[in-house]
Amino acid sequence: QVELVESGGGEVQSGGSLRLSCAPSGRIFSLHTMEWHRQVPGKLREMVASILKNGRTFYGEFVKGRFTVSRDNGQNTVVLQMNNLKPDDTAVYYCRAYGQYSEYEFWGQGTQVTVSS
């Protein structure tokens, strides 16, 4: 079973930046779609950013130009650069990867992001 491993979470003040990274724990075939999701206790998990293998990107409406998602297809890694962070961005951030026809789906364990006011 493939595991995705996130890194880069932490605590930052409002207006600050963080960079999250995600990579598979071992060798794996090229992943099609890689995403970042986030979840606050008591609320549904929501999609933050998505990037396809061809580089096309999608973002949650709340991002509003503050975050940038990128990937390295050769390494199967995905990075989320988060700027101008707000306290409402506080959540556990999860990495997700899935196939073009949903033939596979992997999730990471999550990394905590805390933004203080």
Protein backbone atom coordinates (compact mmCIF):
# COMPACT_ATOMS: atom_id res chain seq x y z
CA GLN A 1 0.00 0.00 0.00
CA VAL A 2 1.36 3.39 -0.97
CA GLU A 3 1.61 6.06 1.68
CA LEU A 4 1.82 9.76 1.03
CA VAL A 5 3.97 11.70 3.45
CA GLU A 6 3.35 15.39 4.11
CA SER A 7 5.84 17.83 5.59
CA GLY A 8 6.16 21.55 6.20
CA GLY A 9 3.30 22.25 8.57
CA GLY A 10 3.71 24.39 11.64
CA GLU A 11 2.65 27.59 13.27
CA VAL A 12 2.88 31.02 11.71
CA GLN A 13 1.46 34.45 12.40
CA SER A 14 -1.29 35.97 10.32
CA GLY A 15 0.12 37.24 7.04
CA GLY A 16 2.97 34.74 7.08
CA SER A 17 3.83 31.90 4.70
CA LEU A 18 4.27 28.15 4.81
CA ARG A 19 5.32 25.60 2.23
CA LEU A 20 3.85 22.10 2.37
CA SER A 21 5.36 19.16 0.55
CA CYS A 22 4.03 15.68 -0.18
CA ALA A 23 5.75 12.64 -1.59
CA PRO A 24 5.07 8.90 -1.71
CA SER A 25 6.95 6.77 0.78
CA GLY A 26 8.35 4.47 -1.90
CA ARG A 27 8.69 3.97 -5.62
CA ILE A 28 5.41 4.20 -7.47
CA PHE A 29 4.04 4.69 -10.96
CA SER A 30 3.34 8.25 -12.11
CA LEU A 31 0.39 9.68 -10.21
CA HIS A 32 -2.33 11.42 -12.21
CA THR A 33 -3.98 13.98 -9.93
CA MET A 34 -2.45 15.29 -6.74
CA GLU A 35 -4.34 17.49 -4.33
CA TRP A 36 -4.29 19.23 -1.00
CA HIS A 37 -7.32 19.11 1.26
CA ARG A 38 -7.86 20.52 4.72
CA GLN A 39 -10.09 19.78 7.65
CA VAL A 40 -11.07 21.54 10.85
CA PRO A 41 -12.57 19.44 13.67
CA GLY A 42 -16.33 19.26 13.30
CA LYS A 43 -16.31 20.39 9.68
CA LEU A 44 -16.17 18.60 6.34
CA ARG A 45 -12.86 18.15 4.60
CA GLU A 46 -12.49 20.64 1.74
CA MET A 47 -10.33 20.78 -1.34
CA VAL A 48 -7.63 23.44 -1.25
CA ALA A 49 -5.78 22.89 -4.51
CA SER A 50 -5.55 20.30 -7.25
CA ILE A 51 -2.99 19.73 -9.96
CA LEU A 52 -3.23 17.26 -12.83
CA LYS A 53 -0.34 15.46 -14.40
CA ASN A 54 -0.46 17.92 -17.32
CA GLY A 55 -0.05 20.83 -14.91
CA ARG A 56 -3.59 22.15 -14.97
CA THR A 57 -4.56 23.55 -11.56
CA PHE A 58 -7.74 24.19 -9.59
CA TYR A 59 -8.21 25.99 -6.30
CA GLY A 60 -10.85 26.33 -3.64
CA GLU A 61 -12.69 29.65 -3.77
CA PHE A 62 -11.29 30.70 -0.41
CA VAL A 63 -7.70 30.60 -1.74
CA LYS A 64 -8.18 33.82 -3.75
CA GLY A 65 -4.67 33.92 -5.20
CA ARG A 66 -2.86 33.31 -1.93
CA PHE A 67 -1.75 29.71 -2.55
CA THR A 68 0.15 28.08 -5.40
CA VAL A 69 0.28 24.35 -6.09
CA SER A 70 3.06 22.77 -8.13
CA ARG A 71 4.40 19.28 -8.77
CA ASP A 72 7.39 17.33 -9.95
CA ASN A 73 6.12 14.48 -12.10
CA GLY A 74 9.46 12.69 -12.04
CA GLN A 75 9.48 12.55 -8.24
CA ASN A 76 5.71 12.34 -7.79
CA THR A 77 5.90 15.24 -5.36
CA VAL A 78 3.45 18.08 -4.89
CA VAL A 79 4.09 21.38 -3.13
CA LEU A 80 1.63 23.91 -1.75
CA GLN A 81 3.05 27.38 -1.25
CA MET A 82 0.77 29.33 1.08
CA ASN A 83 1.16 33.08 1.42
CA ASN A 84 -0.79 35.71 3.35
CA LEU A 85 -2.11 33.08 5.72
CA LYS A 86 -5.11 33.88 7.89
CA PRO A 87 -6.36 32.36 11.15
CA ASP A 88 -9.19 30.74 9.16
CA ASP A 89 -6.55 28.71 7.34
CA THR A 90 -5.82 26.82 10.53
CA ALA A 91 -6.50 23.14 9.85
CA VAL A 92 -4.94 19.77 9.24
CA TYR A 93 -3.77 19.65 5.64
CA TYR A 94 -3.89 16.35 3.77
CA CYS A 95 -2.26 15.24 0.56
CA ARG A 96 -4.29 13.11 -1.84
CA ALA A 97 -3.50 11.37 -5.10
CA TYR A 98 -5.87 9.51 -7.40
CA GLY A 99 -6.04 8.02 -10.83
CA GLN A 100 -7.65 9.55 -13.89
CA TYR A 101 -10.49 7.01 -13.70
CA SER A 102 -10.41 6.70 -9.91
CA GLU A 103 -8.65 3.36 -10.21
CA TYR A 104 -6.56 4.25 -7.16
CA GLU A 105 -6.64 6.76 -4.34
CA PHE A 106 -4.06 7.52 -1.68
CA TRP A 107 -4.14 9.89 1.30
CA GLY A 108 -1.48 11.16 3.63
CA GLN A 109 -1.71 11.29 7.41
CA GLY A 110 -1.99 15.07 7.48
CA THR A 111 0.10 17.94 8.77
CA GLN A 112 -1.11 20.63 11.15
CA VAL A 113 -1.10 24.27 10.05
CA THR A 114 -1.83 26.85 12.73
CA VAL A 115 -2.14 30.55 11.97
CA SER A 116 -2.22 32.87 14.95
CA SER A 117 -3.70 36.36 14.89
